[in-house]
């Protein structure tokens, strides 16, 4: 059950939810019945495999794909994952979108192979005052791809301030300070340490590896 949004709500929420997963005349971005069954069959047969994990992160490296596959296996078995997918396909919150009164930001990546941008744009259009932003990239998983651009949109949505993007490259400043007579004092301390070490080391049968002398 999905509770009806309260009209008095004024909070900001960052979440990921499916609007509708079923294809229809007024919602062409869902999956047809035949495609849905094929997808569920693939989940049961390939859940937790490397090839299946790579579908979610086309630009992720092999190490990440291996981790994602292990994450899937640890989270649920193939049958449970398919049952969850079947339950998700029953979700349709379109009638509730117009009742949302909280400020809403909808994000999508242009080449997302799982969540098409047009479906996200539709969602924003149905929410009063909803704002849609289409980002570059084709990664479905949020923390892959241009994460700075995605987080920048979220930060501006939450705080009202757009973070400054870092300039390419780096400028490094090295500051050296020298207290008067400190070089002479350091040289005397190192010399005193060496004299003491030279007296103690022979007793323990250890050798002293000398560092370069302090110079002015």
N, C-alpha and C. Protein backbone atom coordinates (compact mmCIF):
# COMPACT_ATOMS: atom_id res chain seq x y z
N UNK A 1 0.84 -1.19 0.00
CA UNK A 1 0.00 0.00 0.00
C UNK A 1 0.88 1.24 0.00
N UNK A 2 0.52 2.22 -0.79
CA UNK A 2 1.23 3.49 -0.84
C UNK A 2 0.33 4.56 -0.25
N UNK A 3 0.72 5.19 0.87
CA UNK A 3 -0.15 6.19 1.50
C UNK A 3 -0.30 7.41 0.62
N UNK A 4 -1.48 8.03 0.69
CA UNK A 4 -1.73 9.24 -0.09
C UNK A 4 -0.92 10.39 0.50
N UNK A 5 -0.21 11.18 -0.33
CA UNK A 5 0.57 12.28 0.18
C UNK A 5 -0.31 13.29 0.89
N UNK A 6 0.17 13.84 2.00
CA UNK A 6 -0.57 14.84 2.74
C UNK A 6 -0.40 16.20 2.08
N UNK A 7 -1.51 16.90 1.77
CA UNK A 7 -1.40 18.20 1.11
C UNK A 7 -0.60 19.22 1.92
N UNK A 8 -0.53 19.05 3.25
CA UNK A 8 0.17 20.02 4.08
C UNK A 8 1.67 19.81 4.10
N UNK A 9 2.13 18.72 3.48
CA UNK A 9 3.56 18.42 3.53
C UNK A 9 4.36 19.50 2.80
N UNK A 10 5.45 19.95 3.43
CA UNK A 10 6.30 20.95 2.83
C UNK A 10 7.77 20.53 2.84
N UNK A 11 8.02 19.28 3.18
CA UNK A 11 9.40 18.82 3.28
C UNK A 11 9.98 18.49 1.92
N UNK A 12 11.28 18.30 1.91
CA UNK A 12 11.97 17.88 0.70
C UNK A 12 12.47 16.47 0.92
N UNK A 13 12.27 15.61 -0.03
CA UNK A 13 12.64 14.21 0.10
C UNK A 13 13.41 13.77 -1.13
N UNK A 14 14.48 13.03 -0.91
CA UNK A 14 15.24 12.45 -2.01
C UNK A 14 15.02 10.95 -1.98
N UNK A 15 14.44 10.40 -3.02
CA UNK A 15 14.10 8.98 -3.03
C UNK A 15 14.06 8.51 -4.47
N UNK A 16 13.94 7.21 -4.63
CA UNK A 16 13.84 6.61 -5.97
C UNK A 16 12.64 5.69 -5.97
N UNK A 17 11.62 6.04 -6.73
CA UNK A 17 10.40 5.25 -6.75
C UNK A 17 9.94 5.03 -8.19
N UNK A 18 9.34 3.87 -8.48
CA UNK A 18 8.74 3.68 -9.80
C UNK A 18 7.35 4.29 -9.83
N UNK A 19 7.01 4.99 -10.90
CA UNK A 19 5.67 5.58 -11.04
C UNK A 19 4.69 4.51 -11.50
N UNK A 20 5.05 3.84 -12.56
CA UNK A 20 4.21 2.80 -13.12
C UNK A 20 5.10 1.90 -13.98
N UNK A 21 4.87 0.62 -13.93
CA UNK A 21 5.71 -0.30 -14.69
C UNK A 21 4.96 -1.01 -15.80
N UNK A 22 3.68 -0.73 -15.92
CA UNK A 22 2.86 -1.42 -16.91
C UNK A 22 2.62 -0.54 -18.13
N UNK A 23 2.82 -1.09 -19.30
CA UNK A 23 2.60 -0.36 -20.54
C UNK A 23 1.10 -0.21 -20.80
N UNK A 24 0.71 1.02 -21.20
CA UNK A 24 -0.68 1.28 -21.53
C UNK A 24 -0.73 2.41 -22.54
N UNK A 25 -1.93 2.70 -23.04
CA UNK A 25 -2.07 3.76 -24.04
C UNK A 25 -1.64 5.12 -23.49
N UNK A 26 -1.92 5.37 -22.20
CA UNK A 26 -1.57 6.66 -21.61
C UNK A 26 -0.25 6.62 -20.86
N UNK A 27 0.43 5.49 -20.91
CA UNK A 27 1.76 5.38 -20.29
C UNK A 27 2.60 4.40 -21.11
N UNK A 28 3.20 4.89 -22.19
CA UNK A 28 3.91 3.99 -23.13
C UNK A 28 5.30 3.56 -22.67
N UNK A 29 5.73 3.98 -21.48
CA UNK A 29 7.10 3.68 -21.05
C UNK A 29 7.16 2.43 -20.18
N UNK A 30 6.03 1.83 -19.89
CA UNK A 30 6.03 0.60 -19.12
C UNK A 30 6.39 -0.59 -19.99
N UNK A 31 6.44 -1.75 -19.37
CA UNK A 31 6.80 -2.97 -20.09
C UNK A 31 5.54 -3.73 -20.51
N UNK A 32 5.50 -4.21 -21.75
CA UNK A 32 4.37 -5.06 -22.17
C UNK A 32 4.35 -6.34 -21.36
N UNK A 33 3.19 -6.96 -21.30
CA UNK A 33 3.02 -8.18 -20.50
C UNK A 33 4.03 -9.26 -20.91
N UNK A 34 4.21 -9.46 -22.22
CA UNK A 34 5.13 -10.51 -22.67
C UNK A 34 6.56 -10.17 -22.27
N UNK A 35 6.95 -8.92 -22.44
CA UNK A 35 8.30 -8.51 -22.05
C UNK A 35 8.51 -8.67 -20.55
N UNK A 36 7.48 -8.38 -19.77
CA UNK A 36 7.58 -8.51 -18.32
C UNK A 36 7.89 -9.94 -17.91
N UNK A 37 7.20 -10.88 -18.50
CA UNK A 37 7.43 -12.28 -18.16
C UNK A 37 8.83 -12.72 -18.58
N UNK A 38 9.29 -12.24 -19.72
CA UNK A 38 10.66 -12.55 -20.16
C UNK A 38 11.68 -11.98 -19.18
N UNK A 39 11.43 -10.77 -18.71
CA UNK A 39 12.36 -10.14 -17.77
C UNK A 39 12.38 -10.90 -16.45
N UNK A 40 11.23 -11.31 -15.97
CA UNK A 40 11.17 -12.07 -14.71
C UNK A 40 11.89 -13.41 -14.85
N UNK A 41 11.75 -14.02 -16.01
CA UNK A 41 12.45 -15.29 -16.26
C UNK A 41 13.96 -15.07 -16.25
N UNK A 42 14.40 -13.95 -16.84
CA UNK A 42 15.83 -13.64 -16.84
C UNK A 42 16.34 -13.40 -15.43
N UNK A 43 15.53 -12.73 -14.60
CA UNK A 43 15.93 -12.49 -13.21
C UNK A 43 16.14 -13.82 -12.49
N UNK A 44 15.21 -14.74 -12.67
CA UNK A 44 15.32 -16.03 -11.98
C UNK A 44 16.51 -16.83 -12.47
N UNK A 45 16.87 -16.67 -13.75
CA UNK A 45 17.97 -17.46 -14.31
C UNK A 45 19.33 -16.79 -14.13
N UNK A 46 19.38 -15.46 -14.11
CA UNK A 46 20.68 -14.77 -14.15
C UNK A 46 20.95 -13.88 -12.96
N UNK A 47 20.04 -13.81 -12.01
CA UNK A 47 20.23 -12.93 -10.85
C UNK A 47 21.55 -13.24 -10.14
N UNK A 48 22.34 -12.20 -9.90
CA UNK A 48 23.61 -12.38 -9.20
C UNK A 48 24.77 -12.75 -10.09
N UNK A 49 24.53 -12.90 -11.40
CA UNK A 49 25.63 -13.22 -12.32
C UNK A 49 26.31 -11.94 -12.77
N UNK A 50 27.52 -12.06 -13.27
CA UNK A 50 28.29 -10.91 -13.72
C UNK A 50 27.60 -10.24 -14.92
N UNK A 51 27.11 -11.04 -15.86
CA UNK A 51 26.47 -10.48 -17.05
C UNK A 51 25.22 -9.69 -16.69
N UNK A 52 24.44 -10.19 -15.73
CA UNK A 52 23.23 -9.49 -15.32
C UNK A 52 23.57 -8.20 -14.58
N UNK A 53 24.61 -8.23 -13.75
CA UNK A 53 25.01 -7.03 -13.01
C UNK A 53 25.50 -5.93 -13.95
N UNK A 54 26.16 -6.31 -15.04
CA UNK A 54 26.67 -5.31 -15.98
C UNK A 54 25.55 -4.55 -16.68
N UNK A 55 24.34 -5.11 -16.73
CA UNK A 55 23.22 -4.40 -17.33
C UNK A 55 22.87 -3.13 -16.58
N UNK A 56 23.18 -3.11 -15.29
CA UNK A 56 22.85 -1.96 -14.46
C UNK A 56 23.95 -0.91 -14.46
N UNK A 57 25.11 -1.26 -14.89
CA UNK A 57 26.24 -0.32 -14.86
C UNK A 57 27.09 -0.50 -16.12
N UNK A 58 26.60 -0.01 -17.26
CA UNK A 58 27.35 -0.22 -18.50
C UNK A 58 28.72 0.42 -18.51
N UNK A 59 28.91 1.45 -17.70
CA UNK A 59 30.22 2.09 -17.64
C UNK A 59 31.01 1.70 -16.38
N UNK A 60 30.45 0.85 -15.56
CA UNK A 60 31.18 0.39 -14.39
C UNK A 60 32.28 -0.58 -14.78
N UNK A 61 33.36 -0.57 -14.02
CA UNK A 61 34.45 -1.49 -14.34
C UNK A 61 34.11 -2.90 -13.86
N UNK A 62 34.95 -3.86 -14.24
CA UNK A 62 34.66 -5.25 -13.92
C UNK A 62 34.63 -5.48 -12.41
N UNK A 63 35.51 -4.78 -11.70
CA UNK A 63 35.54 -4.96 -10.25
C UNK A 63 34.21 -4.54 -9.63
N UNK A 64 33.68 -3.41 -10.13
CA UNK A 64 32.39 -2.96 -9.61
C UNK A 64 31.29 -3.95 -9.97
N UNK A 65 31.29 -4.44 -11.21
CA UNK A 65 30.26 -5.39 -11.62
C UNK A 65 30.31 -6.65 -10.77
N UNK A 66 31.49 -7.11 -10.44
CA UNK A 66 31.62 -8.28 -9.58
C UNK A 66 31.05 -8.00 -8.19
N UNK A 67 31.33 -6.78 -7.68
CA UNK A 67 30.79 -6.41 -6.37
C UNK A 67 29.27 -6.32 -6.43
N UNK A 68 28.73 -5.74 -7.51
CA UNK A 68 27.28 -5.59 -7.64
C UNK A 68 26.60 -6.95 -7.74
N UNK A 69 27.24 -7.88 -8.44
CA UNK A 69 26.68 -9.23 -8.54
C UNK A 69 26.65 -9.89 -7.16
N UNK A 70 27.73 -9.72 -6.40
CA UNK A 70 27.77 -10.28 -5.04
C UNK A 70 26.73 -9.61 -4.15
N UNK A 71 26.52 -8.31 -4.36
CA UNK A 71 25.51 -7.57 -3.60
C UNK A 71 24.12 -8.13 -3.89
N UNK A 72 23.85 -8.44 -5.14
CA UNK A 72 22.56 -9.02 -5.49
C UNK A 72 22.37 -10.38 -4.81
N UNK A 73 23.39 -11.21 -4.86
CA UNK A 73 23.28 -12.55 -4.27
C UNK A 73 23.08 -12.47 -2.76
N UNK A 74 23.74 -11.49 -2.12
CA UNK A 74 23.61 -11.35 -0.68
C UNK A 74 22.25 -10.77 -0.29
N UNK A 75 21.65 -9.99 -1.19
CA UNK A 75 20.39 -9.34 -0.86
C UNK A 75 19.17 -10.23 -1.00
N UNK A 76 19.19 -11.13 -1.95
CA UNK A 76 18.03 -11.99 -2.17
C UNK A 76 18.41 -13.11 -3.12
N UNK A 77 17.68 -14.20 -3.03
CA UNK A 77 17.85 -15.29 -3.99
C UNK A 77 17.10 -14.97 -5.28
N UNK A 78 17.32 -15.73 -6.32
CA UNK A 78 16.66 -15.47 -7.61
C UNK A 78 15.14 -15.46 -7.53
N UNK A 79 14.55 -16.39 -6.79
CA UNK A 79 13.09 -16.45 -6.68
C UNK A 79 12.54 -15.24 -5.95
N UNK A 80 13.23 -14.84 -4.86
CA UNK A 80 12.78 -13.68 -4.10
C UNK A 80 12.91 -12.40 -4.93
N UNK A 81 14.01 -12.29 -5.71
CA UNK A 81 14.20 -11.12 -6.56
C UNK A 81 13.12 -11.04 -7.63
N UNK A 82 12.76 -12.18 -8.19
CA UNK A 82 11.70 -12.20 -9.20
C UNK A 82 10.36 -11.84 -8.58
N UNK A 83 10.11 -12.30 -7.36
CA UNK A 83 8.85 -11.96 -6.68
C UNK A 83 8.78 -10.47 -6.39
N UNK A 84 9.91 -9.89 -6.00
CA UNK A 84 9.94 -8.44 -5.77
C UNK A 84 9.70 -7.68 -7.07
N UNK A 85 10.31 -8.16 -8.16
CA UNK A 85 10.09 -7.53 -9.44
C UNK A 85 8.63 -7.59 -9.87
N UNK A 86 7.99 -8.74 -9.61
CA UNK A 86 6.58 -8.89 -9.95
C UNK A 86 5.72 -7.93 -9.13
N UNK A 87 6.08 -7.76 -7.85
CA UNK A 87 5.33 -6.82 -7.00
C UNK A 87 5.53 -5.38 -7.47
N UNK A 88 6.76 -5.04 -7.89
CA UNK A 88 7.02 -3.69 -8.38
C UNK A 88 6.20 -3.39 -9.63
N UNK A 89 5.99 -4.41 -10.46
CA UNK A 89 5.23 -4.20 -11.69
C UNK A 89 3.76 -3.92 -11.41
N UNK A 90 3.30 -4.21 -10.21
CA UNK A 90 1.91 -3.92 -9.85
C UNK A 90 1.74 -2.49 -9.36
N UNK A 91 2.83 -1.78 -9.14
CA UNK A 91 2.76 -0.42 -8.61
C UNK A 91 2.29 0.55 -9.70
N UNK A 92 1.37 1.41 -9.33
CA UNK A 92 0.92 2.49 -10.21
C UNK A 92 0.48 3.65 -9.32
N UNK A 93 1.36 4.62 -9.15
CA UNK A 93 1.05 5.75 -8.26
C UNK A 93 0.65 7.00 -9.04
N UNK A 94 0.36 6.85 -10.31
CA UNK A 94 -0.01 8.02 -11.12
C UNK A 94 -1.18 8.81 -10.54
N UNK A 95 -2.22 8.16 -10.00
CA UNK A 95 -3.33 8.94 -9.45
C UNK A 95 -2.94 9.79 -8.24
N UNK A 96 -1.80 9.48 -7.61
CA UNK A 96 -1.41 10.20 -6.41
C UNK A 96 -0.50 11.40 -6.70
N UNK A 97 0.06 11.47 -7.90
CA UNK A 97 1.06 12.50 -8.19
C UNK A 97 0.51 13.91 -8.05
N UNK A 98 -0.72 14.14 -8.47
CA UNK A 98 -1.29 15.48 -8.42
C UNK A 98 -1.57 15.95 -7.00
N UNK A 99 -1.55 15.01 -6.03
CA UNK A 99 -1.81 15.37 -4.64
C UNK A 99 -0.54 15.78 -3.89
N UNK A 100 0.60 15.62 -4.52
CA UNK A 100 1.87 15.96 -3.85
C UNK A 100 2.00 17.48 -3.79
N UNK A 101 2.30 17.99 -2.60
CA UNK A 101 2.46 19.43 -2.40
C UNK A 101 3.88 19.80 -1.98
N UNK A 102 4.71 18.83 -1.73
CA UNK A 102 6.10 19.10 -1.35
C UNK A 102 6.91 19.45 -2.59
N UNK A 103 7.91 20.33 -2.46
CA UNK A 103 8.81 20.60 -3.59
C UNK A 103 9.42 19.29 -4.08
N UNK A 104 9.41 19.09 -5.38
CA UNK A 104 9.83 17.80 -5.93
C UNK A 104 10.80 18.00 -7.08
N UNK A 105 11.91 17.27 -7.01
CA UNK A 105 12.90 17.26 -8.08
C UNK A 105 12.96 15.85 -8.66
N UNK A 106 12.85 15.73 -9.96
CA UNK A 106 12.93 14.43 -10.63
C UNK A 106 14.16 14.44 -11.52
N UNK A 107 15.06 13.49 -11.30
CA UNK A 107 16.30 13.40 -12.06
C UNK A 107 16.31 12.15 -12.92
N UNK A 108 16.93 12.25 -14.07
CA UNK A 108 17.08 11.09 -14.94
C UNK A 108 18.30 11.31 -15.82
N UNK A 109 18.93 10.22 -16.23
CA UNK A 109 20.06 10.30 -17.16
C UNK A 109 19.58 9.98 -18.58
N UNK A 110 20.14 10.70 -19.52
CA UNK A 110 19.66 10.66 -20.90
C UNK A 110 19.68 9.26 -21.48
N UNK A 111 20.72 8.48 -21.20
CA UNK A 111 20.84 7.15 -21.79
C UNK A 111 20.54 6.03 -20.83
N UNK A 112 19.82 6.29 -19.76
CA UNK A 112 19.50 5.25 -18.78
C UNK A 112 18.75 4.11 -19.46
N UNK A 113 19.32 2.89 -19.47
CA UNK A 113 18.66 1.78 -20.17
C UNK A 113 17.49 1.19 -19.40
N UNK A 114 17.32 1.56 -18.13
CA UNK A 114 16.27 0.98 -17.30
C UNK A 114 15.15 1.98 -17.02
N UNK A 115 15.51 3.20 -16.68
CA UNK A 115 14.52 4.24 -16.41
C UNK A 115 14.56 5.32 -17.48
N UNK A 116 13.72 5.27 -18.51
CA UNK A 116 13.77 6.24 -19.60
C UNK A 116 13.47 7.66 -19.12
N UNK A 117 14.19 8.66 -19.63
CA UNK A 117 13.97 10.04 -19.21
C UNK A 117 12.54 10.54 -19.46
N UNK A 118 11.90 10.08 -20.53
CA UNK A 118 10.55 10.53 -20.82
C UNK A 118 9.57 10.14 -19.71
N UNK A 119 9.79 8.99 -19.10
CA UNK A 119 8.93 8.59 -17.99
C UNK A 119 9.16 9.49 -16.78
N UNK A 120 10.42 9.87 -16.54
CA UNK A 120 10.73 10.77 -15.43
C UNK A 120 10.15 12.16 -15.70
N UNK A 121 10.22 12.60 -16.96
CA UNK A 121 9.66 13.91 -17.32
C UNK A 121 8.14 13.91 -17.11
N UNK A 122 7.50 12.81 -17.48
CA UNK A 122 6.05 12.69 -17.26
C UNK A 122 5.74 12.81 -15.77
N UNK A 123 6.53 12.16 -14.94
CA UNK A 123 6.31 12.21 -13.49
C UNK A 123 6.37 13.64 -12.97
N UNK A 124 7.39 14.39 -13.41
CA UNK A 124 7.54 15.77 -12.95
C UNK A 124 6.37 16.63 -13.42
N UNK A 125 5.88 16.37 -14.63
CA UNK A 125 4.77 17.17 -15.17
C UNK A 125 3.47 16.93 -14.41
N UNK A 126 3.32 15.75 -13.82
CA UNK A 126 2.09 15.44 -13.09
C UNK A 126 2.10 15.96 -11.66
N UNK A 127 3.25 16.36 -11.15
CA UNK A 127 3.38 16.87 -9.78
C UNK A 127 3.32 18.40 -9.82
N UNK A 128 2.43 19.03 -9.10
CA UNK A 128 2.36 20.49 -9.10
C UNK A 128 3.69 21.12 -8.69
N UNK A 129 4.25 21.94 -9.59
CA UNK A 129 5.53 22.58 -9.30
C UNK A 129 6.72 21.66 -9.42
N UNK A 130 6.53 20.44 -9.93
CA UNK A 130 7.64 19.49 -10.06
C UNK A 130 8.68 19.98 -11.06
N UNK A 131 9.92 19.71 -10.78
CA UNK A 131 11.03 20.14 -11.65
C UNK A 131 11.77 18.92 -12.16
N UNK A 132 11.98 18.88 -13.47
CA UNK A 132 12.68 17.76 -14.09
C UNK A 132 14.03 18.23 -14.61
N UNK A 133 15.06 17.43 -14.34
CA UNK A 133 16.41 17.70 -14.84
C UNK A 133 16.93 16.44 -15.51
N UNK A 134 17.32 16.57 -16.76
CA UNK A 134 17.90 15.45 -17.49
C UNK A 134 19.41 15.60 -17.50
N UNK A 135 20.11 14.62 -16.96
CA UNK A 135 21.56 14.65 -16.86
C UNK A 135 22.18 13.84 -18.00
N UNK A 136 23.42 14.15 -18.30
CA UNK A 136 24.16 13.36 -19.29
C UNK A 136 24.54 12.01 -18.68
N UNK A 137 24.75 11.02 -19.54
CA UNK A 137 25.22 9.72 -19.07
C UNK A 137 24.23 8.61 -19.38
N UNK A 138 24.67 7.38 -19.16
CA UNK A 138 23.83 6.22 -19.42
C UNK A 138 23.89 5.21 -18.28
N UNK A 139 24.30 5.65 -17.10
CA UNK A 139 24.34 4.76 -15.94
C UNK A 139 23.04 4.85 -15.17
N UNK A 140 22.46 3.71 -14.83
CA UNK A 140 21.23 3.70 -14.05
C UNK A 140 21.52 3.87 -12.56
N UNK A 141 22.60 3.28 -12.10
CA UNK A 141 22.96 3.37 -10.68
C UNK A 141 23.42 4.79 -10.37
N UNK A 142 22.87 5.37 -9.31
CA UNK A 142 23.09 6.79 -9.03
C UNK A 142 24.54 7.15 -8.82
N UNK A 143 25.30 6.29 -8.13
CA UNK A 143 26.66 6.67 -7.75
C UNK A 143 27.70 6.32 -8.81
N UNK A 144 27.26 6.04 -10.03
CA UNK A 144 28.18 5.88 -11.16
C UNK A 144 27.99 7.06 -12.11
N UNK A 145 28.93 7.24 -13.02
CA UNK A 145 28.83 8.32 -13.98
C UNK A 145 29.22 9.66 -13.38
N UNK A 146 28.62 10.73 -13.89
CA UNK A 146 28.93 12.08 -13.42
C UNK A 146 28.18 12.34 -12.12
N UNK A 147 28.78 11.87 -11.03
CA UNK A 147 28.14 11.99 -9.72
C UNK A 147 28.10 13.44 -9.26
N UNK A 148 29.12 14.23 -9.62
CA UNK A 148 29.16 15.62 -9.19
C UNK A 148 27.96 16.40 -9.73
N UNK A 149 27.61 16.16 -10.99
CA UNK A 149 26.47 16.86 -11.57
C UNK A 149 25.18 16.45 -10.87
N UNK A 150 25.02 15.16 -10.60
CA UNK A 150 23.81 14.68 -9.94
C UNK A 150 23.70 15.24 -8.53
N UNK A 151 24.80 15.14 -7.77
CA UNK A 151 24.79 15.64 -6.38
C UNK A 151 24.63 17.15 -6.35
N UNK A 152 25.15 17.84 -7.37
CA UNK A 152 24.99 19.28 -7.41
C UNK A 152 23.53 19.68 -7.54
N UNK A 153 22.78 18.95 -8.37
CA UNK A 153 21.35 19.24 -8.52
C UNK A 153 20.61 18.97 -7.21
N UNK A 154 20.96 17.87 -6.54
CA UNK A 154 20.30 17.54 -5.27
C UNK A 154 20.65 18.57 -4.20
N UNK A 155 21.92 18.98 -4.14
CA UNK A 155 22.32 19.95 -3.14
C UNK A 155 21.61 21.29 -3.35
N UNK A 156 21.50 21.71 -4.60
CA UNK A 156 20.78 22.96 -4.87
C UNK A 156 19.31 22.82 -4.49
N UNK A 157 18.72 21.66 -4.75
CA UNK A 157 17.32 21.42 -4.41
C UNK A 157 17.10 21.48 -2.90
N UNK A 158 18.04 20.93 -2.14
CA UNK A 158 17.89 20.88 -0.68
C UNK A 158 18.23 22.22 -0.04
N UNK A 159 19.33 22.84 -0.47
CA UNK A 159 19.83 24.04 0.21
C UNK A 159 19.49 25.34 -0.50
N UNK A 160 19.16 25.25 -1.79
CA UNK A 160 18.91 26.46 -2.55
C UNK A 160 20.17 27.10 -3.11
N UNK A 161 21.31 26.48 -2.89
CA UNK A 161 22.59 27.02 -3.35
C UNK A 161 23.27 25.99 -4.24
N UNK A 162 23.66 26.40 -5.44
CA UNK A 162 24.35 25.49 -6.33
C UNK A 162 25.83 25.45 -5.96
N UNK A 163 26.38 24.27 -5.70
CA UNK A 163 27.80 24.19 -5.34
C UNK A 163 28.69 24.55 -6.52
N UNK A 164 29.80 25.18 -6.22
CA UNK A 164 30.76 25.54 -7.27
C UNK A 164 31.50 24.29 -7.72
N UNK A 165 31.60 24.11 -9.03
CA UNK A 165 32.35 22.98 -9.57
C UNK A 165 33.83 23.27 -9.47
N UNK A 166 34.64 22.31 -9.04
CA UNK A 166 36.08 22.55 -8.91
C UNK A 166 36.73 22.82 -10.25
N UNK A 167 37.68 23.73 -10.25
CA UNK A 167 38.42 24.03 -11.48
C UNK A 167 39.33 22.86 -11.83
N UNK A 168 39.53 22.61 -13.12
CA UNK A 168 40.43 21.51 -13.49
C UNK A 168 41.87 21.83 -13.08
N UNK A 169 42.61 20.79 -12.73
CA UNK A 169 43.99 20.98 -12.30
C UNK A 169 44.05 21.41 -10.83
N UNK A 170 45.23 21.76 -10.40
CA UNK A 170 45.41 22.17 -9.01
C UNK A 170 46.56 23.16 -8.91
N UNK A 171 46.43 24.09 -8.00
CA UNK A 171 47.49 25.06 -7.72
C UNK A 171 48.00 24.76 -6.32
N UNK A 172 49.27 24.44 -6.22
CA UNK A 172 49.87 24.08 -4.94
C UNK A 172 50.85 25.14 -4.50
N UNK A 173 50.74 25.54 -3.25
CA UNK A 173 51.64 26.53 -2.67
C UNK A 173 52.42 25.87 -1.53
N UNK A 174 53.71 25.99 -1.55
CA UNK A 174 54.57 25.47 -0.49
C UNK A 174 55.13 26.65 0.28
N UNK A 175 54.87 26.70 1.56
CA UNK A 175 55.33 27.78 2.43
C UNK A 175 56.34 27.24 3.42
N UNK A 176 57.53 27.79 3.41
CA UNK A 176 58.57 27.36 4.34
C UNK A 176 58.86 28.50 5.31
N UNK A 177 58.81 28.20 6.59
CA UNK A 177 59.10 29.20 7.63
C UNK A 177 60.32 28.73 8.42
N UNK A 178 61.16 29.67 8.79
CA UNK A 178 62.37 29.34 9.54
C UNK A 178 62.50 30.33 10.70
N UNK A 179 62.44 29.80 11.92
CA UNK A 179 62.64 30.65 13.09
C UNK A 179 64.12 30.96 13.24
N UNK A 180 64.43 32.16 13.66
CA UNK A 180 65.84 32.58 13.77
C UNK A 180 66.61 31.62 14.67
N UNK A 181 67.73 31.17 14.19
CA UNK A 181 68.64 30.26 14.91
C UNK A 181 68.10 28.83 15.01
N UNK A 182 66.95 28.56 14.37
CA UNK A 182 66.39 27.22 14.50
C UNK A 182 67.24 26.18 13.77
N UNK A 183 67.87 26.58 12.65
CA UNK A 183 68.71 25.64 11.92
C UNK A 183 69.90 25.21 12.76
N UNK A 184 70.52 26.17 13.42
CA UNK A 184 71.67 25.85 14.27
C UNK A 184 71.24 24.96 15.43
N UNK A 185 70.09 25.28 16.04
CA UNK A 185 69.60 24.48 17.16
C UNK A 185 69.27 23.05 16.70
N UNK A 186 68.66 22.92 15.52
CA UNK A 186 68.33 21.59 15.01
C UNK A 186 69.59 20.78 14.77
N UNK A 187 70.64 21.42 14.24
CA UNK A 187 71.89 20.73 13.98
C UNK A 187 72.50 20.24 15.29
N UNK A 188 72.42 21.05 16.34
CA UNK A 188 72.97 20.65 17.64
C UNK A 188 72.18 19.49 18.24
N UNK A 189 70.84 19.53 18.09
CA UNK A 189 70.02 18.45 18.63
C UNK A 189 70.29 17.13 17.91
N UNK A 190 70.44 17.18 16.57
CA UNK A 190 70.73 15.97 15.80
C UNK A 190 72.09 15.41 16.20
N UNK A 191 73.06 16.29 16.38
CA UNK A 191 74.40 15.84 16.76
C UNK A 191 74.37 15.18 18.13
N UNK A 192 73.61 15.79 19.09
CA UNK A 192 73.51 15.20 20.43
C UNK A 192 72.82 13.84 20.38
N UNK A 193 71.81 13.72 19.53
CA UNK A 193 71.11 12.44 19.39
C UNK A 193 72.04 11.36 18.83
N UNK A 194 72.85 11.74 17.86
CA UNK A 194 73.76 10.77 17.26
C UNK A 194 74.80 10.31 18.27
N UNK A 195 75.31 11.24 19.08
CA UNK A 195 76.33 10.84 20.08
C UNK A 195 75.73 9.85 21.06
N UNK A 196 74.50 10.11 21.49
CA UNK A 196 73.88 9.20 22.44
C UNK A 196 73.57 7.85 21.79
N UNK A 197 73.08 7.90 20.52
CA UNK A 197 72.78 6.65 19.82
C UNK A 197 74.04 5.83 19.59
N UNK A 198 75.13 6.50 19.24
CA UNK A 198 76.39 5.78 19.01
C UNK A 198 76.87 5.10 20.27
N UNK A 199 76.51 5.64 21.44
CA UNK A 199 76.93 5.01 22.69
C UNK A 199 76.04 3.86 23.10
N UNK A 200 74.78 3.89 22.70
CA UNK A 200 73.83 2.87 23.13
C UNK A 200 73.71 1.70 22.17
N UNK A 201 73.86 1.93 20.88
CA UNK A 201 73.60 0.89 19.89
C UNK A 201 74.50 -0.32 20.00
N UNK A 202 75.79 -0.15 20.26
CA UNK A 202 76.65 -1.35 20.33
C UNK A 202 76.19 -2.35 21.38
N UNK A 203 75.56 -1.89 22.44
CA UNK A 203 75.13 -2.80 23.49
C UNK A 203 73.98 -3.70 23.01
N UNK A 204 73.17 -3.20 22.10
CA UNK A 204 72.03 -3.98 21.62
C UNK A 204 72.31 -4.66 20.28
N UNK A 205 73.56 -4.52 19.80
CA UNK A 205 73.96 -5.14 18.53
C UNK A 205 73.11 -4.64 17.36
N UNK A 206 72.77 -3.37 17.39
CA UNK A 206 72.03 -2.77 16.29
C UNK A 206 72.90 -1.72 15.61
N UNK A 207 72.53 -1.43 14.34
CA UNK A 207 73.30 -0.44 13.59
C UNK A 207 72.49 0.85 13.47
N UNK A 208 73.18 1.92 13.32
CA UNK A 208 72.56 3.23 13.19
C UNK A 208 72.69 3.69 11.74
N UNK A 209 71.53 3.89 11.07
CA UNK A 209 71.54 4.40 9.70
C UNK A 209 71.42 5.91 9.76
N UNK A 210 72.48 6.59 9.37
CA UNK A 210 72.53 8.04 9.52
C UNK A 210 71.73 8.71 8.40
N UNK A 211 70.99 9.75 8.78
CA UNK A 211 70.28 10.57 7.81
C UNK A 211 71.18 11.73 7.42
N UNK A 212 70.88 12.41 6.30
CA UNK A 212 71.74 13.54 5.90
C UNK A 212 71.80 14.60 6.99
N UNK A 213 72.93 15.22 7.09
CA UNK A 213 73.11 16.24 8.11
C UNK A 213 72.29 17.47 7.78
N UNK A 214 71.89 18.21 8.82
CA UNK A 214 71.15 19.43 8.62
C UNK A 214 72.10 20.51 8.16
N UNK A 215 71.74 21.19 7.09
CA UNK A 215 72.59 22.23 6.54
C UNK A 215 71.84 23.55 6.53
N UNK A 216 72.55 24.63 6.48
CA UNK A 216 71.94 25.94 6.42
C UNK A 216 71.66 26.29 4.98
